[in-house]
Protein backbone atom coordinates (compact mmCIF):
# COMPACT_ATOMS: atom_id res chain seq x y z
CA MET A 1 7.24 83.14 -63.92
CA LYS A 2 10.38 81.01 -65.18
CA LYS A 3 10.40 77.66 -64.66
CA LYS A 4 13.49 76.64 -63.18
CA THR A 5 15.27 73.91 -64.84
CA ARG A 6 17.99 71.60 -64.10
CA ALA A 7 21.48 72.24 -65.51
CA ALA A 8 21.63 69.70 -68.16
CA ALA A 9 25.03 67.64 -67.41
CA PRO A 10 27.67 67.71 -69.78
CA ARG A 11 27.52 65.35 -72.70
CA GLY A 12 29.09 61.93 -71.88
CA VAL A 13 28.88 61.96 -67.79
CA LYS A 14 26.28 60.39 -66.46
CA ARG A 15 23.78 61.78 -64.31
CA ARG A 16 24.16 60.32 -60.78
CA LYS A 17 21.12 59.17 -59.27
CA LYS A 18 20.51 60.38 -55.73
CA ALA A 19 21.54 57.46 -53.40
CA VAL A 20 18.50 56.02 -51.37
CA PRO A 21 19.22 55.12 -47.70
CA GLU A 22 18.69 51.57 -47.23
CA ARG A 23 16.21 50.40 -44.37
CA LYS A 24 17.35 48.87 -41.84
CA ALA A 25 16.17 44.77 -41.66
CA ALA A 26 14.27 44.47 -38.20
CA PRO A 27 15.24 42.14 -35.53
CA GLN A 28 14.15 39.11 -35.89
CA ARG A 29 12.54 38.18 -32.29
CA ALA A 30 14.49 34.99 -31.12
CA LYS A 31 12.30 32.06 -31.26
CA LEU A 32 11.83 30.32 -27.91
CA VAL A 33 12.32 26.72 -28.54
CA LYS A 34 10.21 24.69 -25.36
CA ALA A 35 12.08 22.44 -23.91
CA PRO A 36 10.92 18.70 -23.99
CA ALA A 37 8.80 18.98 -20.44
CA SER A 38 10.87 15.72 -18.29
CA SER A 39 9.52 13.02 -17.59
CA PRO A 40 8.13 12.34 -13.59
CA ARG A 41 10.74 9.95 -11.94
CA PRO A 42 8.84 6.72 -11.14
CA SER A 43 7.84 6.43 -7.61
CA VAL A 44 7.99 2.65 -7.77
CA PRO A 45 11.85 1.12 -8.54
CA PRO A 46 11.82 -0.79 -11.97
CA ASN A 47 11.79 -4.15 -11.46
CA ASP A 48 15.13 -5.01 -12.16
CA ALA A 49 15.96 -3.24 -8.85
CA LYS A 50 13.29 -4.56 -6.32
CA PRO A 51 15.54 -7.82 -5.81
CA ALA A 52 18.74 -5.82 -5.18
CA ILE A 53 16.77 -3.60 -2.43
CA ARG A 54 15.48 -6.66 -0.88
CA ARG A 55 19.23 -8.09 -0.72
CA LEU A 56 20.32 -5.31 1.25
CA ARG A 57 17.42 -4.61 3.67
CA ALA A 58 17.75 -8.11 4.77
CA GLN A 59 22.07 -7.96 5.48
CA LEU A 60 21.25 -4.67 7.10
CA ALA A 61 18.78 -6.84 9.36
CA GLN A 62 20.99 -9.17 9.59
CA ALA A 63 23.48 -7.31 10.43
CA GLN A 64 21.79 -5.04 13.33
CA ALA A 65 20.52 -8.34 14.72
CA ARG A 66 24.44 -9.63 14.60
CA ILE A 67 25.42 -6.18 16.70
CA GLU A 68 23.03 -7.12 18.86
CA GLU A 69 24.30 -10.74 19.88
CA LEU A 70 27.79 -9.31 20.16
CA ARG A 71 26.30 -6.21 22.67
CA ALA A 72 24.44 -8.66 24.75
CA SER A 73 27.49 -11.41 24.70
CA ALA A 74 29.39 -8.62 25.66
CA GLU A 75 27.56 -7.80 28.88
CA THR A 76 26.47 -11.41 29.75
CA ASP A 77 27.95 -13.66 32.27
CA PHE A 78 28.59 -16.68 30.48
CA LEU A 79 28.11 -19.27 33.53
CA LEU A 80 25.17 -17.73 34.89
CA ASP A 81 23.46 -16.42 31.71
CA ILE A 82 22.53 -12.98 33.81
CA ARG A 83 24.28 -9.58 33.37
CA ASN A 84 27.53 -9.03 34.02
CA ARG A 85 29.12 -6.09 35.47
CA ARG A 86 28.90 -4.11 32.64
CA GLY A 87 25.43 -4.99 31.56
CA PHE A 88 24.63 -4.03 35.23
CA GLU A 89 26.13 -0.28 35.37
CA ARG A 90 24.32 0.05 31.51
CA GLU A 91 21.00 -0.53 33.13
CA LEU A 92 21.60 1.09 36.01
CA ASN A 93 21.85 4.40 34.62
CA ARG A 94 19.01 3.69 32.20
CA SER A 95 16.63 3.61 35.42
CA ILE A 96 18.16 6.21 37.26
CA ALA A 97 17.51 8.48 34.19
CA TYR A 98 14.31 7.34 34.44
CA ILE A 99 13.42 7.62 37.90
CA LYS A 100 14.92 11.26 37.55
CA ARG A 101 12.25 12.37 34.89
CA TYR A 102 9.33 10.30 36.06
CA HIS A 103 9.53 10.35 39.71
CA ALA A 104 9.74 6.84 40.14
CA SER A 105 11.76 5.26 42.61
CA GLY A 106 13.85 1.80 43.18
CA ALA A 107 16.86 0.20 45.28
CA LEU A 108 19.53 -1.91 44.61
CA ILE A 109 20.48 -4.36 46.73
CA VAL A 110 23.93 -5.54 46.66
CA LEU A 111 24.80 -9.68 47.74
CA ASP A 112 27.74 -10.91 48.72
CA VAL A 113 28.24 -14.99 48.82
CA ASP A 114 29.67 -15.93 52.26
CA ARG A 115 31.82 -18.69 52.77
CA LEU A 116 31.91 -19.66 48.86
CA LYS A 117 36.09 -19.52 48.87
CA PRO A 118 36.17 -22.49 51.64
CA ILE A 119 34.18 -24.45 49.19
CA ASN A 120 36.43 -24.04 45.88
CA ASP A 121 39.08 -24.94 47.93
CA ALA A 122 37.66 -27.60 49.34
CA PHE A 123 36.09 -29.02 46.37
CA GLY A 124 36.99 -27.38 43.94
CA HIS A 125 35.92 -24.65 41.43
CA ALA A 126 32.89 -26.91 39.50
CA ALA A 127 31.72 -26.97 42.86
CA GLY A 128 31.49 -23.10 43.61
CA ASP A 129 30.23 -22.63 39.85
CA GLU A 130 27.23 -25.11 42.01
CA VAL A 131 26.58 -23.02 44.30
CA LEU A 132 26.85 -19.71 42.37
CA LYS A 133 24.03 -21.41 40.00
CA ALA A 134 21.83 -22.60 42.84
CA ILE A 135 22.31 -18.98 44.46
CA VAL A 136 21.07 -17.41 41.21
CA ALA A 137 18.05 -19.34 40.69
CA VAL A 138 16.93 -18.24 44.31
CA LEU A 139 17.59 -14.74 43.21
CA LEU A 140 15.43 -15.21 40.43
CA SER A 141 12.52 -16.72 42.23
CA GLN A 142 12.36 -14.23 44.81
CA VAL A 143 12.26 -11.28 42.32
CA ARG A 144 9.89 -10.25 39.63
CA SER A 145 10.61 -10.35 35.84
CA SER A 146 10.61 -6.41 35.49
CA ASP A 147 13.82 -6.25 38.40
CA VAL A 148 17.41 -6.95 37.19
CA ILE A 149 20.11 -9.27 38.16
CA ALA A 150 23.92 -9.44 37.67
CA ARG A 151 26.67 -10.63 38.79
CA LEU A 152 29.61 -8.13 39.09
CA GLY A 153 32.26 -10.33 39.57
CA GLY A 154 33.27 -13.44 41.67
CA ASP A 155 30.94 -14.21 44.25
CA GLU A 156 29.05 -10.65 44.10
CA PHE A 157 25.51 -10.00 43.15
CA ALA A 158 23.47 -7.14 42.69
CA LEU A 159 19.69 -6.13 42.04
CA LEU A 160 17.95 -3.75 40.70
CA LEU A 161 13.96 -3.37 42.24
CA TRP A 162 11.94 -1.31 40.97
CA ASN A 163 8.98 0.72 43.21
CA MET A 164 10.38 -0.45 46.16
CA SER A 165 10.49 2.02 49.32
CA GLU A 166 13.28 1.38 52.13
CA THR A 167 11.00 -0.35 54.22
CA ASP A 168 10.18 -3.12 51.77
CA ALA A 169 13.44 -3.40 50.05
CA ARG A 170 15.54 -3.94 53.41
CA ALA A 171 13.08 -6.60 54.34
CA LYS A 172 13.38 -7.96 50.69
CA ALA A 173 17.42 -8.17 51.30
CA ALA A 174 16.26 -9.81 54.46
CA SER A 175 14.20 -12.60 52.72
CA LEU A 176 16.82 -12.66 49.68
CA GLU A 177 19.30 -13.69 52.57
CA GLU A 178 17.37 -16.37 54.63
CA ALA A 179 16.88 -17.38 51.21
CA VAL A 180 20.16 -18.37 50.35
CA ASP A 181 21.29 -19.77 53.95
CA ARG A 182 18.48 -22.44 53.64
CA LEU A 183 20.33 -23.56 50.46
CA THR A 184 22.76 -27.37 51.27
CA PHE A 185 25.12 -28.90 48.90
CA VAL A 186 26.32 -32.38 49.02
CA PHE A 187 29.75 -32.46 48.17
CA ARG A 188 32.11 -35.87 48.30
CA GLY A 189 29.62 -37.04 51.03
CA ARG A 190 30.21 -34.01 52.71
CA THR A 191 26.68 -31.41 53.43
CA VAL A 192 27.64 -27.96 53.12
CA THR A 193 25.72 -24.20 53.24
CA ALA A 194 26.75 -20.94 51.90
CA GLY A 195 25.08 -17.79 52.94
CA ALA A 196 25.03 -14.66 52.13
CA SER A 197 25.18 -10.52 53.02
CA ALA A 198 23.06 -8.05 51.44
CA GLY A 199 23.65 -4.52 51.62
CA VAL A 200 20.82 -1.11 50.05
CA ALA A 201 20.56 2.01 48.39
CA ILE A 202 17.12 3.61 47.77
CA LEU A 203 17.43 5.16 44.07
CA GLY A 204 15.43 8.42 44.41
CA PRO A 205 15.94 11.64 42.54
CA HIS A 206 19.02 12.60 43.20
CA ALA A 207 20.48 9.06 42.31
CA GLU A 208 24.21 8.53 40.82
CA ALA A 209 24.70 4.99 39.31
CA GLY A 210 28.53 5.33 40.89
CA ARG A 211 27.70 6.66 44.37
CA ALA A 212 24.67 4.45 44.55
CA LEU A 213 26.74 1.24 44.01
CA GLU A 214 29.56 2.72 46.45
CA GLU A 215 26.29 3.06 49.13
CA ALA A 216 24.93 -0.81 48.41
CA ASP A 217 28.19 -1.93 48.88
CA CYS A 218 28.98 -0.38 51.95
CA ALA A 219 26.37 -1.88 53.55
CA MET A 220 26.87 -4.91 52.56
CA TYR A 221 29.97 -5.65 54.25
CA VAL A 222 28.47 -3.78 57.58
CA ARG A 223 25.72 -6.62 57.20
CA LYS A 224 28.72 -9.34 56.81
CA ALA A 225 30.30 -7.91 59.82
CA GLN A 226 26.98 -8.28 61.45
CA ARG A 227 26.50 -11.35 60.20
CA ARG A 228 29.76 -12.97 60.84
CA HIS A 229 29.97 -11.41 64.81
CA GLU A 230 25.92 -13.19 65.29
CA ALA A 231 27.55 -16.46 64.21
């Protein structure tokens, strides 16, 4: 059996080498570069920030104290150093909310000074101011530290009394009238007296500030007319 032989290439022509397919390079895996770990935030501020923080805290405390002073000034009667109408209404609303929530009790007394206008007309407003200051001193001596006294305006006052039954509240109103009636004043050699008439409203679970003030005010005018008739 004859072996097959390759055909000889013509002279002058080089035999082409069989092309060998190039091997594709294997894709290189991307190297993961770990990011440097972030340093933990310091829990304590740097030393150079501490003075600034202390200064800001001090300024904030001063501002809050100033706000409280301004609010107190806006709600205080400067002559008598007790609450004015605005301050009393805010306290009355807060107290009624407390009474409703915790089923507490209280009483509102509106007290009007008698014969203050004749004193002002005869002896001047300085004399009238002295009478008002003396009356406030008497009212403060007749109530507890937890109770609230305010000047609603002119010669009219209001008292907010805690844990008072209707009987006790009316008895307290009568004793306040008697204490003011006992006051005497001497102006330009003349002895004068003032007086007061008080009305009561009971504060219960269904109380409202505006209605309670109106009720006590109406009761005060009824009492004033009664005293005038008795006199």
